[in-house]
Amino acid sequence: MVAFQDLDPMDLQRLLQEGDDNLVLVDVRTPAEVARGAIPGAQSIPLHLLPLNARLLDKGQPVVFYCQSGARSSQACMYLQQQGHDKLYNLRGGIMAWARSGLPIAPMDERAP
């Protein structure tokens, strides 16, 4: 059974606009991919480093993962689900779908962990 939900870009945009301060947006792409741009407000945790950094994500907070196309972020959701997280979301189609929807992409905020 899949416990995480897929969001389309407009669903995610709506959540971000609602300003839920608890929502955590995580980009699981490689640093080279992130350097080409990210969804504003995202933090970067490359997928291969997620096991080392999972403790940084509060199990009580909703977490939205995204990658280039949605495959790696789906893996991130499955991994954290196994670690006891239950408020997990995957951006269907990844940042490519986000960009195709005309939504903003910006340089990664270097202050984010």
Protein backbone atom coordinates (compact mmCIF):
# COMPACT_ATOMS: atom_id res chain seq x y z
CA MET A 1 0.00 0.00 0.00
CA VAL A 2 1.33 3.44 -0.95
CA ALA A 3 1.01 5.87 1.96
CA PHE A 4 2.30 8.95 0.17
CA GLN A 5 0.29 11.08 -2.22
CA ASP A 6 1.20 12.42 -5.64
CA LEU A 7 0.69 16.13 -6.18
CA ASP A 8 0.53 17.81 -9.55
CA PRO A 9 2.34 21.15 -9.95
CA MET A 10 -0.82 23.21 -9.41
CA ASP A 11 -1.61 21.31 -6.18
CA LEU A 12 1.90 22.08 -4.90
CA GLN A 13 1.67 25.72 -5.96
CA ARG A 14 -1.61 26.02 -4.04
CA LEU A 15 -0.02 24.51 -0.90
CA LEU A 16 2.94 26.87 -1.16
CA GLN A 17 0.68 29.89 -1.64
CA GLU A 18 -1.38 28.92 1.39
CA GLY A 19 1.84 29.44 3.32
CA ASP A 20 1.76 26.36 5.55
CA ASP A 21 4.89 27.01 7.62
CA ASN A 22 5.09 23.31 8.47
CA LEU A 23 5.41 22.22 4.83
CA VAL A 24 8.94 21.13 3.93
CA LEU A 25 9.92 21.08 0.25
CA VAL A 26 12.90 18.85 -0.57
CA ASP A 27 14.77 18.58 -3.87
CA VAL A 28 16.42 15.14 -4.13
CA ARG A 29 18.32 15.83 -7.35
CA THR A 30 22.11 15.94 -7.59
CA PRO A 31 23.96 19.19 -6.82
CA ALA A 32 24.68 19.62 -10.55
CA GLU A 33 20.97 19.37 -11.36
CA VAL A 34 20.03 21.74 -8.53
CA ALA A 35 22.57 24.27 -9.82
CA ARG A 36 20.39 24.67 -12.94
CA GLY A 37 17.53 25.92 -10.74
CA ALA A 38 15.06 24.78 -8.13
CA ILE A 39 11.56 25.45 -6.90
CA PRO A 40 11.71 28.53 -4.64
CA GLY A 41 11.80 27.61 -0.96
CA ALA A 42 13.19 24.10 -1.48
CA GLN A 43 16.06 22.59 0.42
CA SER A 44 18.45 20.18 -1.23
CA ILE A 45 19.01 16.65 0.06
CA PRO A 46 20.34 14.48 -2.78
CA LEU A 47 18.60 11.09 -2.80
CA HIS A 48 21.80 9.16 -2.08
CA LEU A 49 22.29 11.26 1.09
CA LEU A 50 18.72 10.94 2.35
CA PRO A 51 19.49 8.03 4.74
CA LEU A 52 22.16 10.19 6.40
CA ASN A 53 19.87 13.24 6.61
CA ALA A 54 16.45 11.71 7.28
CA ARG A 55 16.71 12.71 10.96
CA LEU A 56 16.59 16.36 9.85
CA LEU A 57 13.00 15.87 8.66
CA ASP A 58 10.40 16.00 11.43
CA LYS A 59 7.98 13.06 11.26
CA GLY A 60 5.15 15.41 12.22
CA GLN A 61 5.66 17.79 9.31
CA PRO A 62 4.36 17.31 5.79
CA VAL A 63 7.23 16.78 3.35
CA VAL A 64 7.01 17.25 -0.42
CA PHE A 65 9.80 15.64 -2.45
CA TYR A 66 10.64 16.40 -6.04
CA CYS A 67 13.33 15.48 -8.55
CA GLN A 68 13.70 15.84 -12.31
CA SER A 69 10.79 13.61 -13.36
CA GLY A 70 9.21 12.18 -10.20
CA ALA A 71 10.96 8.80 -10.02
CA ARG A 72 13.66 9.57 -7.42
CA SER A 73 11.26 11.62 -5.31
CA SER A 74 8.89 8.65 -5.26
CA GLN A 75 11.79 6.55 -3.94
CA ALA A 76 12.42 9.20 -1.26
CA CYS A 77 8.78 8.98 -0.19
CA MET A 78 8.93 5.19 0.02
CA TYR A 79 12.14 5.33 2.06
CA LEU A 80 10.78 7.83 4.60
CA GLN A 81 7.51 5.92 4.78
CA GLN A 82 9.56 2.94 5.96
CA GLN A 83 11.16 5.22 8.58
CA GLY A 84 7.76 6.08 10.06
CA HIS A 85 6.86 9.31 8.25
CA ASP A 86 3.24 9.54 7.21
CA LYS A 87 2.77 13.02 5.69
CA LEU A 88 4.65 12.49 2.46
CA TYR A 89 4.00 13.91 -0.99
CA ASN A 90 5.63 13.38 -4.37
CA LEU A 91 5.57 16.03 -7.10
CA ARG A 92 4.27 14.05 -10.07
CA GLY A 93 6.43 14.78 -13.12
CA GLY A 94 9.07 16.51 -11.03
CA ILE A 95 10.55 19.89 -11.78
CA MET A 96 10.01 19.26 -15.50
CA ALA A 97 6.23 19.25 -14.95
CA TRP A 98 6.57 22.28 -12.68
CA ALA A 99 8.41 24.21 -15.41
CA ARG A 100 5.98 23.05 -18.13
CA SER A 101 3.18 24.49 -15.99
CA GLY A 102 4.87 27.89 -16.17
CA LEU A 103 5.73 27.96 -12.48
CA PRO A 104 8.89 29.69 -11.20
CA ILE A 105 12.34 28.16 -11.00
CA ALA A 106 15.06 30.06 -9.16
CA PRO A 107 18.63 29.55 -7.99
CA MET A 108 18.77 27.29 -4.94
CA ASP A 109 18.78 29.30 -1.72
CA GLU A 110 22.28 28.64 -0.43
CA ARG A 111 21.12 29.24 3.15
CA ALA A 112 18.91 26.14 3.08
CA PRO A 113 20.51 23.04 4.65
